[in-house]
N, C-alpha and C. Protein backbone atom coordinates (compact mmCIF):
# COMPACT_ATOMS: atom_id res chain seq x y z
N MET A 1 162.14 66.85 92.61
CA MET A 1 161.62 66.39 94.14
C MET A 1 160.81 67.44 94.54
N THR A 2 159.73 67.26 95.13
CA THR A 2 158.68 68.41 95.51
C THR A 2 159.17 68.81 97.06
N PRO A 3 159.52 70.13 97.14
CA PRO A 3 159.87 70.55 98.48
C PRO A 3 158.72 70.57 99.58
N PRO A 4 158.99 70.14 100.66
CA PRO A 4 157.81 70.20 101.77
C PRO A 4 157.16 71.50 101.94
N LEU A 5 158.07 72.71 101.89
CA LEU A 5 157.53 73.95 102.02
C LEU A 5 157.94 74.87 101.09
N SER A 6 156.99 75.84 101.02
CA SER A 6 157.26 76.99 99.97
C SER A 6 156.91 78.18 100.84
N ILE A 7 158.13 79.19 101.07
CA ILE A 7 158.04 80.27 101.98
C ILE A 7 157.86 81.45 100.83
N ILE A 8 156.81 82.17 101.10
CA ILE A 8 156.43 83.37 99.92
C ILE A 8 156.32 84.53 100.89
N VAL A 9 157.35 85.74 100.25
CA VAL A 9 157.36 86.85 100.84
C VAL A 9 156.95 87.86 100.04
N PRO A 10 155.92 88.70 100.28
CA PRO A 10 155.37 89.76 99.29
C PRO A 10 156.39 90.96 99.94
N VAL A 11 156.95 91.76 98.82
CA VAL A 11 157.70 92.87 99.17
C VAL A 11 157.54 94.08 98.25
N ARG A 12 157.63 95.28 98.97
CA ARG A 12 157.74 96.51 98.11
C ARG A 12 158.65 97.68 99.06
N ASP A 13 159.74 97.95 98.45
CA ASP A 13 160.68 98.91 99.36
C ASP A 13 160.78 98.35 100.48
N GLU A 14 161.43 97.18 100.77
CA GLU A 14 161.86 96.63 101.96
C GLU A 14 163.31 96.30 102.19
N ALA A 15 164.20 97.15 101.40
CA ALA A 15 165.64 97.00 101.51
C ALA A 15 166.03 97.05 102.96
N GLN A 16 165.51 97.71 103.88
CA GLN A 16 166.06 98.02 105.17
C GLN A 16 165.99 96.76 105.95
N VAL A 17 165.00 96.17 105.79
CA VAL A 17 164.51 94.68 106.67
C VAL A 17 164.80 93.49 106.16
N LEU A 18 164.62 93.34 104.80
CA LEU A 18 164.79 92.25 104.00
C LEU A 18 165.92 91.41 104.22
N PRO A 19 167.15 91.96 104.45
CA PRO A 19 168.39 91.27 104.67
C PRO A 19 168.25 90.36 105.88
N GLN A 20 167.79 90.98 106.84
CA GLN A 20 167.63 90.26 108.23
C GLN A 20 166.74 88.93 107.98
N LEU A 21 165.63 89.05 107.24
CA LEU A 21 164.79 88.09 107.10
C LEU A 21 165.45 86.99 106.24
N LEU A 22 166.13 87.35 105.11
CA LEU A 22 166.89 86.23 104.35
C LEU A 22 167.76 85.67 105.23
N ALA A 23 168.35 86.32 106.08
CA ALA A 23 169.53 85.49 106.89
C ALA A 23 168.83 84.47 107.94
N ASP A 24 167.53 84.99 108.42
CA ASP A 24 166.93 83.93 109.30
C ASP A 24 166.44 82.69 108.54
N LEU A 25 166.25 83.02 107.12
CA LEU A 25 165.41 81.76 106.36
C LEU A 25 166.50 81.22 106.00
N ALA A 26 167.63 81.39 105.81
CA ALA A 26 168.74 80.81 104.78
C ALA A 26 168.94 79.31 105.50
N PRO A 27 169.01 79.00 106.73
CA PRO A 27 168.96 77.60 106.96
C PRO A 27 167.84 76.80 106.34
N LEU A 28 166.62 77.09 106.62
CA LEU A 28 165.39 76.52 106.05
C LEU A 28 165.63 76.19 104.72
N ARG A 29 166.05 77.18 104.25
CA ARG A 29 166.08 77.25 102.44
C ARG A 29 167.33 76.04 102.22
N ALA A 30 168.37 76.08 102.94
CA ALA A 30 169.39 75.05 102.81
C ALA A 30 168.86 73.64 103.00
N SER A 31 167.88 73.47 104.04
CA SER A 31 167.33 72.15 104.08
C SER A 31 166.42 71.80 103.30
N GLY A 32 166.08 72.41 102.11
CA GLY A 32 165.12 72.14 101.02
C GLY A 32 163.91 72.80 101.15
N ALA A 33 163.57 73.88 101.72
CA ALA A 33 162.58 74.62 101.70
C ALA A 33 162.66 75.60 100.54
N GLU A 34 161.84 75.82 99.76
CA GLU A 34 161.57 76.86 98.58
C GLU A 34 161.44 78.19 98.91
N LEU A 35 162.05 79.22 98.64
CA LEU A 35 161.84 80.67 99.21
C LEU A 35 161.70 81.53 97.89
N ILE A 36 160.37 82.13 97.96
CA ILE A 36 159.86 82.84 96.78
C ILE A 36 159.59 84.25 97.06
N LEU A 37 160.22 85.18 96.53
CA LEU A 37 160.23 86.91 96.75
C LEU A 37 159.20 87.28 95.96
N VAL A 38 158.17 88.14 96.06
CA VAL A 38 157.37 88.60 95.14
C VAL A 38 157.39 90.03 95.33
N ASP A 39 157.76 90.68 94.40
CA ASP A 39 158.26 92.28 94.52
C ASP A 39 156.99 92.86 93.47
N GLY A 40 156.24 93.73 94.50
CA GLY A 40 155.37 94.81 93.94
C GLY A 40 155.57 96.08 93.45
N GLY A 41 156.82 96.31 92.84
CA GLY A 41 157.02 97.51 92.16
C GLY A 41 158.06 98.17 93.21
N SER A 42 158.95 97.70 93.61
CA SER A 42 160.06 98.30 94.50
C SER A 42 160.94 99.28 93.86
N ARG A 43 161.06 100.46 94.44
CA ARG A 43 162.06 101.36 93.82
C ARG A 43 163.26 101.57 94.66
N ASP A 44 163.77 100.62 95.57
CA ASP A 44 164.69 100.67 96.21
C ASP A 44 165.71 99.36 95.98
N ALA A 45 166.47 98.98 96.75
CA ALA A 45 167.56 97.94 96.59
C ALA A 45 166.70 96.43 96.71
N THR A 46 165.52 96.27 97.26
CA THR A 46 164.92 95.46 97.71
C THR A 46 165.15 93.98 96.58
N CYS A 47 165.18 94.07 95.22
CA CYS A 47 165.42 93.23 94.31
C CYS A 47 166.84 92.59 94.41
N ALA A 48 167.48 93.91 94.15
CA ALA A 48 168.91 93.49 94.12
C ALA A 48 169.70 92.73 95.33
N LEU A 49 169.15 93.16 96.57
CA LEU A 49 169.60 92.16 97.88
C LEU A 49 168.96 91.00 97.93
N ALA A 50 168.05 90.53 97.16
CA ALA A 50 167.40 89.14 97.13
C ALA A 50 168.17 88.25 96.27
N GLN A 51 168.84 88.63 95.36
CA GLN A 51 169.54 88.20 94.27
C GLN A 51 170.58 87.09 95.15
N GLY A 52 170.45 85.63 94.69
CA GLY A 52 171.24 84.66 95.25
C GLY A 52 170.82 84.08 96.59
N HIS A 53 169.66 84.86 97.08
CA HIS A 53 169.19 84.35 98.30
C HIS A 53 167.81 83.82 98.34
N VAL A 54 167.29 83.61 97.06
CA VAL A 54 165.91 83.29 96.96
C VAL A 54 166.16 82.37 95.62
N ASP A 55 164.80 81.24 95.77
CA ASP A 55 164.88 80.44 94.52
C ASP A 55 164.06 81.10 93.57
N ARG A 56 163.05 81.93 93.80
CA ARG A 56 162.62 82.65 92.82
C ARG A 56 162.18 84.04 92.90
N LEU A 57 162.59 84.91 92.04
CA LEU A 57 162.11 86.35 92.20
C LEU A 57 161.05 86.77 91.18
N ILE A 58 159.89 86.98 91.84
CA ILE A 58 158.55 87.24 90.83
C ILE A 58 158.14 88.81 90.89
N ARG A 59 158.03 89.22 89.76
CA ARG A 59 157.26 90.63 89.85
C ARG A 59 155.82 90.69 89.63
N SER A 60 155.17 91.32 90.32
CA SER A 60 153.71 91.19 90.34
C SER A 60 153.04 92.62 90.36
N ALA A 61 151.79 93.01 90.06
CA ALA A 61 151.05 94.22 90.40
C ALA A 61 151.06 94.21 91.81
N ALA A 62 151.21 95.53 92.33
CA ALA A 62 151.35 95.85 93.79
C ALA A 62 150.10 95.53 94.57
N GLY A 63 149.87 95.10 95.74
CA GLY A 63 149.09 94.63 96.49
C GLY A 63 149.14 93.26 97.32
N ARG A 64 149.16 93.22 98.37
CA ARG A 64 149.74 91.92 98.94
C ARG A 64 149.06 90.74 98.64
N ALA A 65 147.77 90.89 98.63
CA ALA A 65 146.83 89.73 98.16
C ALA A 65 147.34 89.28 96.87
N ARG A 66 147.67 90.20 95.93
CA ARG A 66 147.93 89.78 94.55
C ARG A 66 149.23 89.22 94.37
N GLN A 67 150.25 89.88 95.21
CA GLN A 67 151.54 89.36 95.28
C GLN A 67 151.65 87.83 95.97
N MET A 68 150.86 87.59 97.01
CA MET A 68 150.83 86.27 97.73
C MET A 68 150.40 85.16 96.71
N ASN A 69 149.37 85.56 96.07
CA ASN A 69 148.60 84.76 95.03
C ASN A 69 149.53 84.35 93.85
N ALA A 70 150.34 85.29 93.52
CA ALA A 70 151.34 85.08 92.60
C ALA A 70 152.41 84.22 92.95
N GLY A 71 152.64 84.54 94.17
CA GLY A 71 153.85 83.45 94.91
C GLY A 71 153.44 82.20 94.78
N ALA A 72 152.13 82.01 95.37
CA ALA A 72 151.56 80.67 95.49
C ALA A 72 151.25 79.79 94.38
N ALA A 73 151.14 80.75 93.15
CA ALA A 73 150.72 80.07 91.95
C ALA A 73 152.14 79.56 91.33
N ALA A 74 153.34 80.04 91.56
CA ALA A 74 154.65 79.58 91.38
C ALA A 74 155.34 78.47 92.44
N ALA A 75 154.76 78.30 93.40
CA ALA A 75 155.34 77.60 94.37
C ALA A 75 154.90 75.88 94.03
N ARG A 76 155.78 75.17 94.38
CA ARG A 76 155.72 73.63 94.50
C ARG A 76 155.71 72.94 95.61
N GLY A 77 155.96 73.77 96.57
CA GLY A 77 155.79 72.84 97.98
C GLY A 77 154.54 72.55 98.61
N ASP A 78 154.55 71.28 99.30
CA ASP A 78 152.96 70.75 99.86
C ASP A 78 152.38 71.63 100.70
N TYR A 79 153.44 72.72 101.41
CA TYR A 79 152.78 73.87 102.40
C TYR A 79 153.19 75.25 101.79
N LEU A 80 152.19 76.06 102.13
CA LEU A 80 152.79 77.49 101.69
C LEU A 80 152.92 78.21 102.78
N TRP A 81 153.79 79.17 103.21
CA TRP A 81 154.20 79.96 104.46
C TRP A 81 154.30 81.26 103.88
N PHE A 82 153.29 82.06 104.32
CA PHE A 82 153.30 83.60 103.82
C PHE A 82 153.95 84.33 105.01
N VAL A 83 155.04 84.93 104.87
CA VAL A 83 155.81 85.65 105.62
C VAL A 83 156.00 87.09 105.23
N HIS A 84 155.91 87.98 106.12
CA HIS A 84 156.07 89.61 105.78
C HIS A 84 157.62 89.96 106.08
N ALA A 85 157.88 90.99 105.21
CA ALA A 85 159.40 91.10 105.29
C ALA A 85 160.10 91.55 106.43
N ASP A 86 159.12 92.05 107.29
CA ASP A 86 159.76 92.71 108.64
C ASP A 86 159.58 91.80 109.73
N THR A 87 159.36 90.46 109.39
CA THR A 87 159.27 89.43 110.43
C THR A 87 160.65 88.87 110.82
N ARG A 88 161.09 88.39 112.04
CA ARG A 88 162.29 87.98 112.47
C ARG A 88 161.85 86.41 112.88
N ILE A 89 162.62 85.68 112.56
CA ILE A 89 162.46 84.04 112.84
C ILE A 89 163.62 83.48 113.20
N ASP A 90 163.55 82.90 114.27
CA ASP A 90 164.58 82.20 115.16
C ASP A 90 164.37 80.90 114.82
N ALA A 91 165.68 79.96 115.49
CA ALA A 91 165.50 78.46 115.22
C ALA A 91 164.56 77.85 115.83
N ALA A 92 164.03 78.26 116.93
CA ALA A 92 163.01 77.74 117.73
C ALA A 92 161.60 77.65 116.97
N ALA A 93 161.58 78.75 116.43
CA ALA A 93 160.37 79.14 115.54
C ALA A 93 160.14 78.03 114.23
N VAL A 94 161.52 78.06 113.82
CA VAL A 94 161.57 77.09 112.63
C VAL A 94 161.25 75.53 113.09
N ARG A 95 161.96 75.20 114.24
CA ARG A 95 161.71 73.75 114.77
C ARG A 95 160.05 73.60 114.92
N SER A 96 159.45 74.69 115.70
CA SER A 96 158.03 74.57 115.67
C SER A 96 157.21 74.30 114.64
N LEU A 97 157.65 74.98 113.60
CA LEU A 97 157.08 74.93 112.20
C LEU A 97 157.00 73.77 111.63
N LEU A 98 158.36 73.10 111.66
CA LEU A 98 158.54 71.78 111.03
C LEU A 98 158.02 70.57 111.92
N ASP A 99 157.87 70.54 113.10
CA ASP A 99 157.23 69.91 113.81
C ASP A 99 155.81 69.72 113.60
N ALA A 100 155.20 70.97 113.60
CA ALA A 100 153.70 70.95 113.31
C ALA A 100 153.44 70.48 111.85
N LEU A 101 154.07 70.85 110.79
CA LEU A 101 153.96 70.48 109.37
C LEU A 101 153.70 68.81 109.38
N ALA A 102 154.93 68.04 110.13
CA ALA A 102 155.05 66.70 110.27
C ALA A 102 153.50 65.95 110.76
N ARG A 103 152.74 66.83 111.29
CA ARG A 103 151.45 66.27 111.49
C ARG A 103 150.40 66.64 110.73
N ARG A 104 150.88 67.32 109.55
CA ARG A 104 149.69 67.48 108.30
C ARG A 104 148.51 68.30 108.72
N PRO A 105 148.85 69.34 109.42
CA PRO A 105 147.69 70.22 109.81
C PRO A 105 146.96 70.95 108.41
N VAL A 106 145.86 71.39 108.37
CA VAL A 106 145.15 72.10 107.49
C VAL A 106 145.85 73.59 107.28
N TRP A 107 146.26 74.06 108.37
CA TRP A 107 146.59 75.41 108.34
C TRP A 107 147.11 75.97 109.87
N GLY A 108 147.57 76.82 109.77
CA GLY A 108 148.01 77.61 110.97
C GLY A 108 148.87 78.77 111.13
N ARG A 109 149.24 79.32 112.29
CA ARG A 109 149.90 80.67 112.58
C ARG A 109 150.47 80.66 113.69
N PHE A 110 151.51 81.69 113.92
CA PHE A 110 152.29 81.86 114.93
C PHE A 110 151.72 82.94 115.85
N ASP A 111 151.93 82.48 117.14
CA ASP A 111 152.16 83.74 118.07
C ASP A 111 152.96 84.89 117.49
N VAL A 112 152.71 86.16 118.07
CA VAL A 112 153.40 87.40 117.66
C VAL A 112 153.95 88.02 118.79
N ARG A 113 155.13 88.92 118.62
CA ARG A 113 155.50 90.03 119.52
C ARG A 113 155.88 91.20 118.58
N LEU A 114 155.65 92.35 119.17
CA LEU A 114 156.26 93.55 118.28
C LEU A 114 157.65 93.75 118.84
N SER A 115 158.28 94.45 117.92
CA SER A 115 159.71 94.34 118.10
C SER A 115 160.40 95.47 119.17
N GLY A 116 159.51 96.59 119.28
CA GLY A 116 160.03 97.86 119.99
C GLY A 116 160.02 97.40 121.47
N ARG A 117 160.60 98.04 122.43
CA ARG A 117 160.69 97.89 123.85
C ARG A 117 159.57 98.74 124.33
N GLY A 118 159.11 98.33 125.58
CA GLY A 118 158.18 98.92 126.52
C GLY A 118 156.97 97.96 126.86
N LEU A 119 156.28 98.05 127.83
CA LEU A 119 155.55 97.15 128.31
C LEU A 119 154.06 97.22 127.33
N ALA A 120 153.86 98.42 126.89
CA ALA A 120 152.61 98.56 126.05
C ALA A 120 152.77 97.67 124.70
N LEU A 121 154.06 97.71 124.24
CA LEU A 121 154.07 96.79 123.06
C LEU A 121 153.96 95.27 123.34
N ARG A 122 154.53 94.92 124.47
CA ARG A 122 154.46 93.57 124.88
C ARG A 122 153.22 93.26 125.02
N LEU A 123 152.58 94.12 125.63
CA LEU A 123 150.93 93.82 126.04
C LEU A 123 150.19 93.70 124.84
N ILE A 124 150.51 94.50 123.65
CA ILE A 124 149.68 94.49 122.46
C ILE A 124 150.07 93.12 121.63
N GLY A 125 151.23 92.71 121.90
CA GLY A 125 151.54 91.33 121.00
C GLY A 125 150.87 90.27 121.69
N THR A 126 151.09 90.28 122.91
CA THR A 126 150.13 89.39 123.83
C THR A 126 148.98 89.29 123.47
N MET A 127 148.21 90.33 123.49
CA MET A 127 146.65 90.33 123.05
C MET A 127 146.37 90.07 121.52
N ILE A 128 147.15 90.42 120.76
CA ILE A 128 146.92 89.90 119.35
C ILE A 128 147.13 88.26 119.30
N SER A 129 148.14 87.81 120.11
CA SER A 129 147.93 86.22 120.00
C SER A 129 146.76 85.78 120.82
N LEU A 130 146.57 86.02 121.68
CA LEU A 130 145.32 85.86 122.57
C LEU A 130 143.93 86.00 121.86
N ARG A 131 143.81 87.01 121.09
CA ARG A 131 142.76 87.11 120.38
C ARG A 131 142.37 86.08 119.34
N SER A 132 143.83 85.87 118.87
CA SER A 132 143.80 84.96 117.65
C SER A 132 143.26 83.61 118.05
N ARG A 133 144.16 83.22 119.31
CA ARG A 133 143.70 81.68 119.73
C ARG A 133 142.23 81.66 119.90
N LEU A 134 141.59 82.74 120.42
CA LEU A 134 140.08 82.84 120.80
C LEU A 134 139.24 82.63 119.69
N THR A 135 139.75 83.48 118.76
CA THR A 135 138.68 83.64 117.42
C THR A 135 138.91 82.58 116.26
N GLY A 136 140.27 82.21 116.49
CA GLY A 136 140.64 81.36 115.24
C GLY A 136 140.94 82.11 113.77
N VAL A 137 141.33 83.29 114.02
CA VAL A 137 141.70 84.02 113.02
C VAL A 137 143.01 84.71 113.13
N ALA A 138 143.91 85.00 112.16
CA ALA A 138 145.04 85.55 112.10
C ALA A 138 145.12 86.66 111.25
N SER A 139 146.12 87.36 111.75
CA SER A 139 146.84 88.53 110.97
C SER A 139 147.82 88.08 110.15
N GLY A 140 148.25 88.84 108.96
CA GLY A 140 149.45 88.44 107.99
C GLY A 140 150.46 88.33 108.78
N ASP A 141 150.84 89.42 109.91
CA ASP A 141 152.01 89.29 110.71
C ASP A 141 152.11 88.07 111.48
N GLN A 142 151.09 87.42 111.79
CA GLN A 142 151.39 85.93 112.25
C GLN A 142 151.94 84.85 111.30
N ALA A 143 152.39 85.19 110.27
CA ALA A 143 152.96 84.05 109.29
C ALA A 143 152.04 83.02 109.03
N ILE A 144 150.90 83.26 108.28
CA ILE A 144 149.95 82.06 108.04
C ILE A 144 150.67 81.05 107.24
N PHE A 145 150.48 79.76 107.60
CA PHE A 145 150.80 78.70 106.75
C PHE A 145 149.70 77.77 106.63
N VAL A 146 149.54 77.06 105.24
CA VAL A 146 148.36 76.17 104.96
C VAL A 146 148.73 75.26 103.71
N ALA A 147 148.16 74.06 103.88
CA ALA A 147 148.29 73.32 102.94
C ALA A 147 147.98 73.77 101.45
N ARG A 148 149.08 73.56 100.44
CA ARG A 148 148.96 74.02 99.12
C ARG A 148 147.53 73.60 98.25
N GLU A 149 147.17 72.32 98.64
CA GLU A 149 145.93 71.59 97.93
C GLU A 149 144.73 72.52 98.90
N VAL A 150 144.90 72.84 99.85
CA VAL A 150 143.43 73.55 100.60
C VAL A 150 143.50 74.97 100.01
N PHE A 151 144.58 75.77 100.05
CA PHE A 151 144.71 76.98 99.50
C PHE A 151 144.06 77.05 97.95
N GLU A 152 144.61 76.09 97.13
CA GLU A 152 143.90 76.27 95.85
C GLU A 152 142.65 75.81 95.79
N ARG A 153 142.21 75.09 96.48
CA ARG A 153 140.60 74.73 96.55
C ARG A 153 139.89 76.01 96.80
N LEU A 154 140.51 76.60 97.65
CA LEU A 154 139.50 77.84 98.20
C LEU A 154 139.99 79.01 97.26
N ALA A 155 140.57 78.79 96.04
CA ALA A 155 141.10 80.00 95.15
C ALA A 155 141.93 81.22 95.79
N GLY A 156 142.85 80.72 96.65
CA GLY A 156 143.65 81.85 97.42
C GLY A 156 143.02 83.08 98.10
N TYR A 157 143.89 83.86 98.25
CA TYR A 157 143.49 85.32 98.82
C TYR A 157 142.50 85.77 97.86
N ALA A 158 141.46 86.71 98.60
CA ALA A 158 140.83 87.51 97.86
C ALA A 158 141.28 88.77 97.35
N ASP A 159 141.13 89.06 96.06
CA ASP A 159 141.83 90.31 95.57
C ASP A 159 141.12 91.65 96.18
N ILE A 160 141.44 91.76 97.26
CA ILE A 160 141.00 92.87 97.97
C ILE A 160 142.23 93.67 98.58
N PRO A 161 141.88 95.06 98.87
CA PRO A 161 143.29 95.80 99.29
C PRO A 161 143.62 95.89 100.72
N LEU A 162 142.51 95.36 101.67
CA LEU A 162 142.98 95.38 103.13
C LEU A 162 141.88 93.97 103.62
N MET A 163 142.32 93.31 104.55
CA MET A 163 141.81 92.40 105.45
C MET A 163 141.92 91.10 104.41
N GLU A 164 142.80 91.06 103.56
CA GLU A 164 142.74 89.61 102.90
C GLU A 164 143.01 88.55 103.67
N ASP A 165 143.62 88.81 104.79
CA ASP A 165 144.10 87.69 105.72
C ASP A 165 143.05 87.21 106.50
N ILE A 166 142.18 88.36 107.00
CA ILE A 166 141.07 87.90 107.85
C ILE A 166 139.89 87.22 106.98
N GLU A 167 139.85 87.59 105.87
CA GLU A 167 138.78 87.15 104.69
C GLU A 167 139.09 85.62 104.64
N LEU A 168 140.64 85.34 104.32
CA LEU A 168 141.10 83.99 104.12
C LEU A 168 140.68 83.07 105.47
N CYS A 169 141.20 83.53 106.63
CA CYS A 169 141.05 82.67 107.90
C CYS A 169 139.62 82.41 108.13
N ARG A 170 138.54 83.18 107.81
CA ARG A 170 137.13 83.07 108.04
C ARG A 170 136.90 81.81 107.11
N ARG A 171 137.51 81.67 105.61
CA ARG A 171 136.97 80.46 105.09
C ARG A 171 137.71 79.17 105.69
N LEU A 172 139.09 79.36 105.85
CA LEU A 172 139.70 78.32 106.55
C LEU A 172 139.33 77.75 107.81
N LYS A 173 138.64 78.48 108.55
CA LYS A 173 137.93 78.06 109.82
C LYS A 173 136.92 77.06 109.62
N ARG A 174 136.12 77.30 108.52
CA ARG A 174 135.14 76.41 108.19
C ARG A 174 135.49 74.89 107.94
N LEU A 175 136.78 74.73 107.87
CA LEU A 175 137.48 73.49 107.36
C LEU A 175 138.22 72.87 108.81
N ALA A 176 138.77 73.94 109.25
CA ALA A 176 139.57 73.44 110.59
C ALA A 176 140.06 74.60 111.31
N ARG A 177 140.00 74.39 112.78
CA ARG A 177 140.82 75.58 113.73
C ARG A 177 142.26 75.56 113.23
N PRO A 178 142.80 76.49 113.45
CA PRO A 178 144.38 76.71 113.14
C PRO A 178 145.00 76.23 113.95
N ARG A 179 146.34 75.72 113.79
CA ARG A 179 147.40 75.30 114.68
C ARG A 179 148.06 76.50 115.01
N CYS A 180 148.00 76.83 116.34
CA CYS A 180 148.45 78.02 116.92
C CYS A 180 150.06 77.69 117.62
N LEU A 181 150.89 78.13 116.95
CA LEU A 181 152.31 78.03 117.34
C LEU A 181 153.25 79.05 118.12
N ARG A 182 154.01 78.45 118.79
CA ARG A 182 154.77 79.23 119.88
C ARG A 182 156.19 78.56 119.39
N PRO A 183 157.36 79.39 119.63
CA PRO A 183 157.39 80.63 120.16
C PRO A 183 157.08 81.74 119.18
N ALA A 184 156.79 83.05 119.84
CA ALA A 184 156.25 83.84 119.09
C ALA A 184 157.47 84.50 118.07
N LEU A 185 156.95 84.97 116.98
CA LEU A 185 157.61 85.58 115.80
C LEU A 185 157.83 86.94 116.20
N SER A 186 158.81 87.84 115.74
CA SER A 186 158.91 88.96 116.23
C SER A 186 158.27 89.92 114.89
N THR A 187 157.63 90.82 115.10
CA THR A 187 157.34 91.62 113.69
C THR A 187 157.59 93.03 114.04
N SER A 188 157.76 93.89 113.09
CA SER A 188 158.23 95.29 113.41
C SER A 188 157.14 96.19 114.08
N SER A 189 157.60 97.06 114.92
CA SER A 189 156.60 98.05 115.58
C SER A 189 156.66 99.19 114.92
N ARG A 190 157.18 99.29 113.77
CA ARG A 190 157.39 100.65 113.13
C ARG A 190 156.24 101.38 113.05
N ARG A 191 155.24 100.82 112.38
CA ARG A 191 154.01 101.64 112.41
C ARG A 191 153.33 102.13 113.86
N TRP A 192 153.57 101.24 114.60
CA TRP A 192 152.99 101.53 115.83
C TRP A 192 153.76 102.96 116.62
N GLU A 193 154.88 102.84 116.37
CA GLU A 193 155.83 103.99 116.74
C GLU A 193 155.75 105.27 116.26
N ARG A 194 155.43 104.79 114.91
CA ARG A 194 155.52 106.23 114.11
C ARG A 194 154.24 106.82 114.45
N HIS A 195 152.90 106.10 114.42
CA HIS A 195 151.72 106.96 114.39
C HIS A 195 151.21 107.03 115.78
N GLY A 196 151.74 106.42 116.89
CA GLY A 196 151.38 106.33 118.37
C GLY A 196 150.93 105.04 118.53
N ILE A 197 151.17 104.38 119.82
CA ILE A 197 150.81 103.11 120.04
C ILE A 197 149.14 103.03 120.25
N TRP A 198 148.85 103.68 120.98
CA TRP A 198 147.12 103.51 121.29
C TRP A 198 146.42 104.32 120.26
N ARG A 199 146.77 105.29 119.81
CA ARG A 199 146.08 105.59 118.36
C ARG A 199 145.93 104.84 117.35
N THR A 200 147.03 103.82 117.12
CA THR A 200 147.31 102.74 115.92
C THR A 200 146.13 101.67 116.62
N VAL A 201 146.35 101.26 117.80
CA VAL A 201 145.33 100.43 118.64
C VAL A 201 143.93 100.59 118.10
N LEU A 202 143.65 101.80 118.48
CA LEU A 202 142.05 102.31 117.98
C LEU A 202 141.63 102.08 116.52
N LEU A 203 142.68 102.70 115.78
CA LEU A 203 142.57 102.49 114.23
C LEU A 203 142.27 100.95 113.77
N MET A 204 142.98 99.81 114.40
CA MET A 204 142.88 98.59 114.11
C MET A 204 141.44 98.13 114.66
N TRP A 205 141.09 98.70 115.81
CA TRP A 205 139.81 98.03 116.26
C TRP A 205 138.62 98.74 115.28
N ARG A 206 139.02 99.86 115.06
CA ARG A 206 137.85 100.50 114.01
C ARG A 206 137.88 99.95 112.73
N LEU A 207 138.83 99.36 112.12
CA LEU A 207 139.09 98.64 110.76
C LEU A 207 138.36 97.41 111.01
N ARG A 208 138.58 96.54 112.04
CA ARG A 208 137.92 95.46 112.19
C ARG A 208 136.47 95.38 112.57
N LEU A 209 135.87 96.55 113.18
CA LEU A 209 134.42 96.70 113.42
C LEU A 209 133.94 96.90 112.12
N ALA A 210 134.43 98.06 111.31
CA ALA A 210 133.86 98.38 110.21
C ALA A 210 133.66 96.95 109.13
N TYR A 211 134.85 96.40 109.12
CA TYR A 211 135.09 95.06 108.19
C TYR A 211 133.77 94.16 108.63
N TYR A 212 133.67 93.90 110.04
CA TYR A 212 132.42 92.79 110.18
C TYR A 212 131.40 93.34 110.03
N CYS A 213 131.11 94.83 110.16
CA CYS A 213 129.85 95.35 109.89
C CYS A 213 129.51 95.79 108.31
N GLY A 214 130.30 95.12 107.64
CA GLY A 214 130.08 95.26 106.10
C GLY A 214 130.68 96.25 105.21
N ALA A 215 131.84 97.03 105.78
CA ALA A 215 132.30 98.19 104.81
C ALA A 215 133.12 97.53 103.92
N SER A 216 133.24 98.01 102.86
CA SER A 216 134.00 97.55 101.70
C SER A 216 135.39 97.55 101.89
N PRO A 217 136.10 96.79 101.07
CA PRO A 217 137.42 96.74 101.33
C PRO A 217 138.23 98.18 100.72
N ASP A 218 137.58 98.77 99.93
CA ASP A 218 138.16 99.90 99.47
C ASP A 218 138.10 100.95 100.49
N GLN A 219 136.90 101.17 101.16
CA GLN A 219 136.55 101.96 102.31
C GLN A 219 137.83 101.69 103.45
N LEU A 220 137.89 100.47 103.80
CA LEU A 220 138.69 100.09 104.82
C LEU A 220 140.15 100.33 104.50
N ALA A 221 140.56 100.34 103.33
CA ALA A 221 141.95 100.66 102.56
C ALA A 221 142.20 102.35 102.79
N ARG A 222 141.06 103.12 102.53
CA ARG A 222 141.20 104.53 102.72
C ARG A 222 141.22 105.00 104.08
N MET A 223 140.78 104.30 105.10
CA MET A 223 140.80 104.19 106.51
C MET A 223 142.29 104.02 107.09
N TYR A 224 142.69 103.01 106.37
CA TYR A 224 144.07 102.46 106.89
C TYR A 224 145.13 103.40 106.37
N HIS A 225 145.05 103.93 105.26
CA HIS A 225 146.31 104.73 104.69
C HIS A 225 146.00 106.17 105.15
N ARG A 226 144.90 106.65 105.71
CA ARG A 226 144.88 107.86 106.30
C ARG A 226 145.48 107.94 107.80
N GLY A 227 145.54 106.58 108.17
CA GLY A 227 146.42 106.36 109.53
C GLY A 227 145.48 106.85 110.81
N PRO A 228 146.20 106.62 111.94
CA PRO A 228 145.48 107.05 113.12
C PRO A 228 144.93 108.52 113.17
N ARG A 229 143.81 108.73 113.96
CA ARG A 229 143.35 110.17 114.01
C ARG A 229 144.31 110.79 115.05
N PRO A 230 144.70 112.03 114.81
CA PRO A 230 145.28 112.77 115.96
C PRO A 230 144.50 112.99 117.31
């Protein structure tokens, strides 16, 4: 029997946060969803922790786009749901997703909130969600879902080191506007807190501006991994 939904989680050294996500997804998996973990070369206990809690554990070359494409190639569900390991998903979000899928959308995504405390982080999450609603473009933290037939027709994610989610959304938008779901998913604020909230905001703006101005994905990846400027 074909599962209605395949959940694809790309991971690399995510042992600290993965058990929480697997617990969040366990009821959905028990109801018939397929859960696929795609490991890009973890050196910690990520794969060991996943044993018995996923339907398929795939090993792939590192790179989020490559890992998600590998998971999609193995998936059997009518819909693909791409979820980051540091995402938290509550029962209300699951209900919202299942209700949306029953209406057979082309694709969609969730609103998002950052996990840390403080007004600045709450504001950033709100602005990310609002920007996505206005532009019809989502980031990977917003847990993009898409009809498998559509994803395959578009040949999946572009094999680029950064902005693969933005690039896919731009192609999906030509087919349909995204279904924008509430309640918001929680995503880790660890990068924001580690590098400084507003410096990270400025970095993200610079990356998007450079992308829309034609910078190569390799250039963007170098900017991203250098991190926010002091």
